[in-house]
Structure formats: structure tokens, C-alpha cells
Amino acid sequence: MMKPYAVKEKKYKEKELQKILTEKFNSFLEDLTEKGIQICENNVKIHVDENSATAEGTLFLNRKITEAVDTEILEIERNEQNESIGTDD
């Protein structure tokens, strides 16, 4: 079913724009968290100008490990005469 719509321009106060952008950004962060993506660092700033408002910055993300996996243990023999100087010769 199609529904007609009309575009309306609306002016917001600076505080309103900051609140809207903050809420949208926080919703985005929640979506990432729900998908199991860990946010290591968040350097996002909200900028409000006379004719625009943006949220700009950088996110550092890290996925959570979802499965434990055994690692292989390697045995390395050292040559006893070089052991004191820390080489594997």
C-alpha cells in the first residue's frame, strides 16, 4: 500500500539538533552492540552550523570472539651452548 507524503522544512534550535543527532548515534551504537561488535573507542563529535548539523568522527571497533578454539602447543628444542645468549641456533 502506498501512502502519499509531503516534505516540510522545519527549523530546529541547536539543542534540539544535538539531542536528535545524539539519539540517532546512540541507536546506531546499540545496533552494533546487539550484533556483537565491541566499541573500543568513540571519537565522534556533533557539529551544528547555521544551515546543517552533522555527527562526524571515528569509531574503533572489535568483534567479540564467539567460539573458543584450542591452540597448538609447539615444542622447541634449544641448543644448550647458545641458550645463555638467548638465541635459537
PDB file of N, CA and C in Angstrom:
ATOM      1  N   MET A   1       0.845  -1.187   0.000  1.00  0.00           N
ATOM      2  CA  MET A   1       0.000   0.000   0.000  1.00  0.00           C
ATOM      3  C   MET A   1       0.884   1.243   0.000  1.00  0.00           C
ATOM      4  N   MET A   2       0.632   2.128  -0.893  1.00  0.00           N
ATOM      5  CA  MET A   2       1.397   3.374  -0.982  1.00  0.00           C
ATOM      6  C   MET A   2       0.642   4.480  -0.259  1.00  0.00           C
ATOM      7  N   LYS A   3       1.418   5.318   0.393  1.00  0.00           N
ATOM      8  CA  LYS A   3       0.829   6.422   1.142  1.00  0.00           C
ATOM      9  C   LYS A   3       1.517   7.711   0.715  1.00  0.00           C
ATOM     10  N   PRO A   4       0.772   8.713   0.316  1.00  0.00           N
ATOM     11  CA  PRO A   4       1.400   9.969  -0.099  1.00  0.00           C
ATOM     12  C   PRO A   4       2.001  10.704   1.112  1.00  0.00           C
ATOM     13  N   TYR A   5       3.017  11.462   0.822  1.00  0.00           N
ATOM     14  CA  TYR A   5       3.634  12.256   1.875  1.00  0.00           C
ATOM     15  C   TYR A   5       4.090  13.588   1.288  1.00  0.00           C
ATOM     16  N   ALA A   6       4.322  14.535   2.152  1.00  0.00           N
ATOM     17  CA  ALA A   6       4.802  15.852   1.735  1.00  0.00           C
ATOM     18  C   ALA A   6       6.029  16.196   2.582  1.00  0.00           C
ATOM     19  N   VAL A   7       6.999  16.808   1.956  1.00  0.00           N
ATOM     20  CA  VAL A   7       8.210  17.223   2.649  1.00  0.00           C
ATOM     21  C   VAL A   7       7.974  18.602   3.251  1.00  0.00           C
ATOM     22  N   LYS A   8       8.300  18.744   4.517  1.00  0.00           N
ATOM     23  CA  LYS A   8       8.165  20.030   5.196  1.00  0.00           C
ATOM     24  C   LYS A   8       9.524  20.419   5.742  1.00  0.00           C
ATOM     25  N   GLU A   9       9.857  21.656   5.591  1.00  0.00           N
ATOM     26  CA  GLU A   9      11.079  22.166   6.198  1.00  0.00           C
ATOM     27  C   GLU A   9      10.738  22.651   7.593  1.00  0.00           C
ATOM     28  N   LYS A  10      11.639  22.350   8.528  1.00  0.00           N
ATOM     29  CA  LYS A  10      11.423  22.770   9.904  1.00  0.00           C
ATOM     30  C   LYS A  10      12.746  23.245  10.467  1.00  0.00           C
ATOM     31  N   LYS A  11      12.712  24.325  11.186  1.00  0.00           N
ATOM     32  CA  LYS A  11      13.917  24.831  11.826  1.00  0.00           C
ATOM     33  C   LYS A  11      13.967  24.318  13.252  1.00  0.00           C
ATOM     34  N   TYR A  12      15.136  23.826  13.633  1.00  0.00           N
ATOM     35  CA  TYR A  12      15.363  23.337  14.978  1.00  0.00           C
ATOM     36  C   TYR A  12      16.315  24.265  15.707  1.00  0.00           C
ATOM     37  N   LYS A  13      16.169  24.298  16.994  1.00  0.00           N
ATOM     38  CA  LYS A  13      17.143  25.010  17.812  1.00  0.00           C
ATOM     39  C   LYS A  13      18.378  24.128  17.939  1.00  0.00           C
ATOM     40  N   GLU A  14      19.501  24.728  18.265  1.00  0.00           N
ATOM     41  CA  GLU A  14      20.767  23.999  18.359  1.00  0.00           C
ATOM     42  C   GLU A  14      20.675  22.827  19.333  1.00  0.00           C
ATOM     43  N   LYS A  15      20.079  23.037  20.485  1.00  0.00           N
ATOM     44  CA  LYS A  15      19.947  21.969  21.491  1.00  0.00           C
ATOM     45  C   LYS A  15      19.097  20.824  20.958  1.00  0.00           C
ATOM     46  N   GLU A  16      18.039  21.141  20.207  1.00  0.00           N
ATOM     47  CA  GLU A  16      17.182  20.099  19.629  1.00  0.00           C
ATOM     48  C   GLU A  16      17.968  19.254  18.626  1.00  0.00           C
ATOM     49  N   LEU A  17      18.761  19.918  17.781  1.00  0.00           N
ATOM     50  CA  LEU A  17      19.571  19.195  16.797  1.00  0.00           C
ATOM     51  C   LEU A  17      20.588  18.289  17.486  1.00  0.00           C
ATOM     52  N   GLN A  18      21.236  18.803  18.516  1.00  0.00           N
ATOM     53  CA  GLN A  18      22.202  17.993  19.255  1.00  0.00           C
ATOM     54  C   GLN A  18      21.523  16.770  19.863  1.00  0.00           C
ATOM     55  N   LYS A  19      20.333  16.959  20.407  1.00  0.00           N
ATOM     56  CA  LYS A  19      19.600  15.854  21.021  1.00  0.00           C
ATOM     57  C   LYS A  19      19.213  14.813  19.975  1.00  0.00           C
ATOM     58  N   ILE A  20      18.706  15.247  18.829  1.00  0.00           N
ATOM     59  CA  ILE A  20      18.300  14.331  17.757  1.00  0.00           C
ATOM     60  C   ILE A  20      19.494  13.533  17.254  1.00  0.00           C
ATOM     61  N   LEU A  21      20.592  14.210  16.961  1.00  0.00           N
ATOM     62  CA  LEU A  21      21.783  13.517  16.466  1.00  0.00           C
ATOM     63  C   LEU A  21      22.357  12.567  17.519  1.00  0.00           C
ATOM     64  N   THR A  22      22.352  12.967  18.766  1.00  0.00           N
ATOM     65  CA  THR A  22      22.851  12.108  19.840  1.00  0.00           C
ATOM     66  C   THR A  22      22.002  10.847  19.954  1.00  0.00           C
ATOM     67  N   GLU A  23      20.675  10.999  19.894  1.00  0.00           N
ATOM     68  CA  GLU A  23      19.781   9.846  19.982  1.00  0.00           C
ATOM     69  C   GLU A  23      19.986   8.900  18.802  1.00  0.00           C
ATOM     70  N   LYS A  24      20.117   9.446  17.594  1.00  0.00           N
ATOM     71  CA  LYS A  24      20.329   8.604  16.410  1.00  0.00           C
ATOM     72  C   LYS A  24      21.677   7.885  16.486  1.00  0.00           C
ATOM     73  N   PHE A  25      22.706   8.587  16.956  1.00  0.00           N
ATOM     74  CA  PHE A  25      24.026   7.978  17.067  1.00  0.00           C
ATOM     75  C   PHE A  25      24.016   6.884  18.127  1.00  0.00           C
ATOM     76  N   ASN A  26      23.381   7.145  19.271  1.00  0.00           N
ATOM     77  CA  ASN A  26      23.292   6.137  20.325  1.00  0.00           C
ATOM     78  C   ASN A  26      22.530   4.899  19.855  1.00  0.00           C
ATOM     79  N   SER A  27      21.514   5.103  19.047  1.00  0.00           N
ATOM     80  CA  SER A  27      20.774   3.976  18.468  1.00  0.00           C
ATOM     81  C   SER A  27      21.683   3.156  17.555  1.00  0.00           C
ATOM     82  N   PHE A  28      22.511   3.828  16.776  1.00  0.00           N
ATOM     83  CA  PHE A  28      23.482   3.156  15.905  1.00  0.00           C
ATOM     84  C   PHE A  28      24.461   2.327  16.744  1.00  0.00           C
ATOM     85  N   LEU A  29      24.963   2.902  17.845  1.00  0.00           N
ATOM     86  CA  LEU A  29      25.882   2.183  18.722  1.00  0.00           C
ATOM     87  C   LEU A  29      25.212   0.964  19.345  1.00  0.00           C
ATOM     88  N   GLU A  30      23.937   1.091  19.730  1.00  0.00           N
ATOM     89  CA  GLU A  30      23.199  -0.039  20.292  1.00  0.00           C
ATOM     90  C   GLU A  30      23.068  -1.166  19.265  1.00  0.00           C
ATOM     91  N   ASP A  31      22.811  -0.813  18.013  1.00  0.00           N
ATOM     92  CA  ASP A  31      22.713  -1.820  16.953  1.00  0.00           C
ATOM     93  C   ASP A  31      24.034  -2.580  16.801  1.00  0.00           C
ATOM     94  N   LEU A  32      25.147  -1.857  16.854  1.00  0.00           N
ATOM     95  CA  LEU A  32      26.455  -2.513  16.762  1.00  0.00           C
ATOM     96  C   LEU A  32      26.655  -3.467  17.930  1.00  0.00           C
ATOM     97  N   THR A  33      26.321  -3.022  19.124  1.00  0.00           N
ATOM     98  CA  THR A  33      26.489  -3.845  20.321  1.00  0.00           C
ATOM     99  C   THR A  33      25.622  -5.098  20.246  1.00  0.00           C
ATOM    100  N   GLU A  34      24.387  -4.962  19.780  1.00  0.00           N
ATOM    101  CA  GLU A  34      23.490  -6.108  19.637  1.00  0.00           C
ATOM    102  C   GLU A  34      24.030  -7.126  18.636  1.00  0.00           C
ATOM    103  N   LYS A  35      24.795  -6.672  17.665  1.00  0.00           N
ATOM    104  CA  LYS A  35      25.382  -7.560  16.668  1.00  0.00           C
ATOM    105  C   LYS A  35      26.677  -8.186  17.171  1.00  0.00           C
ATOM    106  N   GLY A  36      27.065  -7.887  18.413  1.00  0.00           N
ATOM    107  CA  GLY A  36      28.264  -8.472  18.999  1.00  0.00           C
ATOM    108  C   GLY A  36      29.536  -7.724  18.665  1.00  0.00           C
ATOM    109  N   ILE A  37      29.409  -6.490  18.207  1.00  0.00           N
ATOM    110  CA  ILE A  37      30.590  -5.694  17.875  1.00  0.00           C
ATOM    111  C   ILE A  37      30.933  -4.816  19.071  1.00  0.00           C
ATOM    112  N   GLN A  38      32.152  -4.952  19.527  1.00  0.00           N
ATOM    113  CA  GLN A  38      32.616  -4.202  20.698  1.00  0.00           C
ATOM    114  C   GLN A  38      33.184  -2.858  20.248  1.00  0.00           C
ATOM    115  N   ILE A  39      32.819  -1.796  20.917  1.00  0.00           N
ATOM    116  CA  ILE A  39      33.308  -0.456  20.605  1.00  0.00           C
ATOM    117  C   ILE A  39      34.475  -0.160  21.539  1.00  0.00           C
ATOM    118  N   CYS A  40      35.677  -0.084  20.962  1.00  0.00           N
ATOM    119  CA  CYS A  40      36.881   0.140  21.767  1.00  0.00           C
ATOM    120  C   CYS A  40      37.099   1.618  22.058  1.00  0.00           C
ATOM    121  N   GLU A  41      36.770   2.456  21.082  1.00  0.00           N
ATOM    122  CA  GLU A  41      36.990   3.893  21.241  1.00  0.00           C
ATOM    123  C   GLU A  41      35.988   4.643  20.380  1.00  0.00           C
ATOM    124  N   ASN A  42      35.502   5.756  20.898  1.00  0.00           N
ATOM    125  CA  ASN A  42      34.491   6.551  20.214  1.00  0.00           C
ATOM    126  C   ASN A  42      34.961   8.003  20.202  1.00  0.00           C
ATOM    127  N   ASN A  43      35.330   8.495  19.024  1.00  0.00           N
ATOM    128  CA  ASN A  43      35.771   9.888  18.876  1.00  0.00           C
ATOM    129  C   ASN A  43      34.821  10.644  17.954  1.00  0.00           C
ATOM    130  N   VAL A  44      33.545  10.631  18.268  1.00  0.00           N
ATOM    131  CA  VAL A  44      32.546  11.274  17.418  1.00  0.00           C
ATOM    132  C   VAL A  44      32.093  12.574  18.071  1.00  0.00           C
ATOM    133  N   LYS A  45      32.050  13.624  17.276  1.00  0.00           N
ATOM    134  CA  LYS A  45      31.616  14.952  17.741  1.00  0.00           C
ATOM    135  C   LYS A  45      30.409  15.397  16.923  1.00  0.00           C
ATOM    136  N   ILE A  46      29.529  16.124  17.543  1.00  0.00           N
ATOM    137  CA  ILE A  46      28.367  16.681  16.860  1.00  0.00           C
ATOM    138  C   ILE A  46      28.654  18.146  16.556  1.00  0.00           C
ATOM    139  N   HIS A  47      28.474  18.506  15.282  1.00  0.00           N
ATOM    140  CA  HIS A  47      28.714  19.875  14.828  1.00  0.00           C
ATOM    141  C   HIS A  47      27.397  20.468  14.338  1.00  0.00           C
ATOM    142  N   VAL A  48      27.056  21.635  14.860  1.00  0.00           N
ATOM    143  CA  VAL A  48      25.843  22.334  14.441  1.00  0.00           C
ATOM    144  C   VAL A  48      26.250  23.674  13.857  1.00  0.00           C
ATOM    145  N   ASP A  49      25.941  23.857  12.564  1.00  0.00           N
ATOM    146  CA  ASP A  49      26.195  25.121  11.875  1.00  0.00           C
ATOM    147  C   ASP A  49      24.872  25.831  11.635  1.00  0.00           C
ATOM    148  N   GLU A  50      24.931  26.949  10.972  1.00  0.00           N
ATOM    149  CA  GLU A  50      23.715  27.717  10.697  1.00  0.00           C
ATOM    150  C   GLU A  50      22.738  26.955   9.811  1.00  0.00           C
ATOM    151  N   ASN A  51      23.269  26.200   8.807  1.00  0.00           N
ATOM    152  CA  ASN A  51      22.394  25.517   7.860  1.00  0.00           C
ATOM    153  C   ASN A  51      22.480  23.991   7.901  1.00  0.00           C
ATOM    154  N   SER A  52      23.259  23.437   8.813  1.00  0.00           N
ATOM    155  CA  SER A  52      23.389  21.977   8.837  1.00  0.00           C
ATOM    156  C   SER A  52      23.818  21.490  10.221  1.00  0.00           C
ATOM    157  N   ALA A  53      23.634  20.210  10.412  1.00  0.00           N
ATOM    158  CA  ALA A  53      24.087  19.561  11.645  1.00  0.00           C
ATOM    159  C   ALA A  53      24.613  18.183  11.261  1.00  0.00           C
ATOM    160  N   THR A  54      25.794  17.822  11.778  1.00  0.00           N
ATOM    161  CA  THR A  54      26.395  16.538  11.442  1.00  0.00           C
ATOM    162  C   THR A  54      27.024  15.913  12.681  1.00  0.00           C
ATOM    163  N   ALA A  55      27.137  14.596  12.621  1.00  0.00           N
ATOM    164  CA  ALA A  55      27.907  13.853  13.616  1.00  0.00           C
ATOM    165  C   ALA A  55      29.083  13.270  12.846  1.00  0.00           C
ATOM    166  N   GLU A  56      30.299  13.664  13.203  1.00  0.00           N
ATOM    167  CA  GLU A  56      31.494  13.229  12.490  1.00  0.00           C
ATOM    168  C   GLU A  56      32.517  12.691  13.473  1.00  0.00           C
ATOM    169  N   GLY A  57      33.277  11.710  13.006  1.00  0.00           N
ATOM    170  CA  GLY A  57      34.331  11.190  13.852  1.00  0.00           C
ATOM    171  C   GLY A  57      34.752   9.803  13.456  1.00  0.00           C
ATOM    172  N   THR A  58      35.389   9.118  14.383  1.00  0.00           N
ATOM    173  CA  THR A  58      35.929   7.794  14.136  1.00  0.00           C
ATOM    174  C   THR A  58      35.534   6.865  15.267  1.00  0.00           C
ATOM    175  N   LEU A  59      35.148   5.645  14.901  1.00  0.00           N
ATOM    176  CA  LEU A  59      34.887   4.585  15.864  1.00  0.00           C
ATOM    177  C   LEU A  59      35.932   3.506  15.670  1.00  0.00           C
ATOM    178  N   PHE A  60      36.491   3.009  16.742  1.00  0.00           N
ATOM    179  CA  PHE A  60      37.387   1.862  16.687  1.00  0.00           C
ATOM    180  C   PHE A  60      36.611   0.672  17.226  1.00  0.00           C
ATOM    181  N   LEU A  61      36.399  -0.317  16.353  1.00  0.00           N
ATOM    182  CA  LEU A  61      35.550  -1.453  16.685  1.00  0.00           C
ATOM    183  C   LEU A  61      36.353  -2.731  16.746  1.00  0.00           C
ATOM    184  N   ASN A  62      35.834  -3.699  17.510  1.00  0.00           N
ATOM    185  CA  ASN A  62      36.466  -5.001  17.620  1.00  0.00           C
ATOM    186  C   ASN A  62      35.352  -6.025  17.803  1.00  0.00           C
ATOM    187  N   ARG A  63      35.377  -7.055  16.993  1.00  0.00           N
ATOM    188  CA  ARG A  63      34.354  -8.088  17.133  1.00  0.00           C
ATOM    189  C   ARG A  63      34.693  -8.991  18.310  1.00  0.00           C
ATOM    190  N   LYS A  64      33.665  -9.429  19.017  1.00  0.00           N
ATOM    191  CA  LYS A  64      33.860 -10.368  20.109  1.00  0.00           C
ATOM    192  C   LYS A  64      34.144 -11.749  19.533  1.00  0.00           C
ATOM    193  N   ILE A  65      34.935 -12.524  20.251  1.00  0.00           N
ATOM    194  CA  ILE A  65      35.177 -13.906  19.856  1.00  0.00           C
ATOM    195  C   ILE A  65      33.970 -14.711  20.301  1.00  0.00           C
ATOM    196  N   THR A  66      33.366 -15.425  19.375  1.00  0.00           N
ATOM    197  CA  THR A  66      32.154 -16.152  19.715  1.00  0.00           C
ATOM    198  C   THR A  66      32.399 -17.638  19.943  1.00  0.00           C
ATOM    199  N   GLU A  67      33.550 -18.168  19.527  1.00  0.00           N
ATOM    200  CA  GLU A  67      33.868 -19.578  19.723  1.00  0.00           C
ATOM    201  C   GLU A  67      35.258 -19.733  20.301  1.00  0.00           C
ATOM    202  N   ALA A  68      35.375 -20.569  21.298  1.00  0.00           N
ATOM    203  CA  ALA A  68      36.702 -20.876  21.826  1.00  0.00           C
ATOM    204  C   ALA A  68      37.326 -21.955  20.953  1.00  0.00           C
ATOM    205  N   VAL A  69      38.606 -21.803  20.649  1.00  0.00           N
ATOM    206  CA  VAL A  69      39.329 -22.758  19.809  1.00  0.00           C
ATOM    207  C   VAL A  69      40.626 -23.118  20.494  1.00  0.00           C
ATOM    208  N   ASP A  70      40.939 -24.430  20.529  1.00  0.00           N
ATOM    209  CA  ASP A  70      42.205 -24.863  21.109  1.00  0.00           C
ATOM    210  C   ASP A  70      43.353 -24.403  20.224  1.00  0.00           C
ATOM    211  N   THR A  71      44.437 -24.025  20.858  1.00  0.00           N
ATOM    212  CA  THR A  71      45.625 -23.639  20.098  1.00  0.00           C
ATOM    213  C   THR A  71      46.631 -24.775  20.136  1.00  0.00           C
ATOM    214  N   GLU A  72      47.494 -24.813  19.148  1.00  0.00           N
ATOM    215  CA  GLU A  72      48.515 -25.849  19.061  1.00  0.00           C
ATOM    216  C   GLU A  72      49.721 -25.422  19.893  1.00  0.00           C
ATOM    217  N   ILE A  73      50.216 -26.347  20.732  1.00  0.00           N
ATOM    218  CA  ILE A  73      51.392 -26.065  21.549  1.00  0.00           C
ATOM    219  C   ILE A  73      52.603 -26.626  20.828  1.00  0.00           C
ATOM    220  N   LEU A  74      53.546 -25.765  20.541  1.00  0.00           N
ATOM    221  CA  LEU A  74      54.763 -26.176  19.846  1.00  0.00           C
ATOM    222  C   LEU A  74      55.883 -26.379  20.836  1.00  0.00           C
ATOM    223  N   GLU A  75      56.630 -27.470  20.652  1.00  0.00           N
ATOM    224  CA  GLU A  75      57.806 -27.706  21.484  1.00  0.00           C
ATOM    225  C   GLU A  75      59.041 -27.368  20.668  1.00  0.00           C
ATOM    226  N   ILE A  76      59.879 -26.507  21.223  1.00  0.00           N
ATOM    227  CA  ILE A  76      61.080 -26.073  20.519  1.00  0.00           C
ATOM    228  C   ILE A  76      62.282 -26.494  21.353  1.00  0.00           C
ATOM    229  N   GLU A  77      63.195 -27.217  20.714  1.00  0.00           N
ATOM    230  CA  GLU A  77      64.423 -27.614  21.410  1.00  0.00           C
ATOM    231  C   GLU A  77      65.457 -26.524  21.227  1.00  0.00           C
ATOM    232  N   ARG A  78      66.157 -26.220  22.304  1.00  0.00           N
ATOM    233  CA  ARG A  78      67.201 -25.196  22.247  1.00  0.00           C
ATOM    234  C   ARG A  78      68.558 -25.874  22.228  1.00  0.00           C
ATOM    235  N   ASN A  79      69.472 -25.272  21.561  1.00  0.00           N
ATOM    236  CA  ASN A  79      70.851 -25.714  21.581  1.00  0.00           C
ATOM    237  C   ASN A  79      71.457 -25.194  22.877  1.00  0.00           C
ATOM    238  N   GLU A  80      71.873 -26.090  23.769  1.00  0.00           N
ATOM    239  CA  GLU A  80      72.306 -25.696  25.110  1.00  0.00           C
ATOM    240  C   GLU A  80      73.460 -24.711  25.123  1.00  0.00           C
ATOM    241  N   GLN A  81      74.382 -24.771  24.194  1.00  0.00           N
ATOM    242  CA  GLN A  81      75.529 -23.864  24.242  1.00  0.00           C
ATOM    243  C   GLN A  81      75.140 -22.430  23.910  1.00  0.00           C
ATOM    244  N   ASN A  82      74.048 -22.196  23.159  1.00  0.00           N
ATOM    245  CA  ASN A  82      73.628 -20.832  22.826  1.00  0.00           C
ATOM    246  C   ASN A  82      72.507 -20.322  23.724  1.00  0.00           C
ATOM    247  N   GLU A  83      72.065 -21.153  24.659  1.00  0.00           N
ATOM    248  CA  GLU A  83      70.953 -20.797  25.499  1.00  0.00           C
ATOM    249  C   GLU A  83      71.224 -19.563  26.360  1.00  0.00           C
ATOM    250  N   SER A  84      72.457 -19.356  26.782  1.00  0.00           N
ATOM    251  CA  SER A  84      72.780 -18.229  27.663  1.00  0.00           C
ATOM    252  C   SER A  84      72.667 -16.876  26.958  1.00  0.00           C
ATOM    253  N   ILE A  85      72.781 -16.846  25.634  1.00  0.00           N
ATOM    254  CA  ILE A  85      72.690 -15.564  24.933  1.00  0.00           C
ATOM    255  C   ILE A  85      71.313 -15.355  24.300  1.00  0.00           C
ATOM    256  N   GLY A  86      70.405 -16.309  24.497  1.00  0.00           N
ATOM    257  CA  GLY A  86      69.023 -16.122  24.073  1.00  0.00           C
ATOM    258  C   GLY A  86      68.769 -16.344  22.612  1.00  0.00           C
ATOM    259  N   THR A  87      69.551 -17.172  21.912  1.00  0.00           N
ATOM    260  CA  THR A  87      69.279 -17.460  20.501  1.00  0.00           C
ATOM    261  C   THR A  87      68.752 -18.874  20.361  1.00  0.00           C
ATOM    262  N   ASP A  88      68.136 -19.168  19.244  1.00  0.00           N
ATOM    263  CA  ASP A  88      67.599 -20.494  18.984  1.00  0.00           C
ATOM    264  C   ASP A  88      68.462 -21.265  18.012  1.00  0.00           C
ATOM    265  N   ASP A  89      69.740 -20.982  17.893  1.00  0.00           N
ATOM    266  CA  ASP A  89      70.632 -21.665  16.950  1.00  0.00           C
ATOM    267  C   ASP A  89      70.903 -23.084  17.356  1.00  0.00           C
TER     268      ASP A  89
END
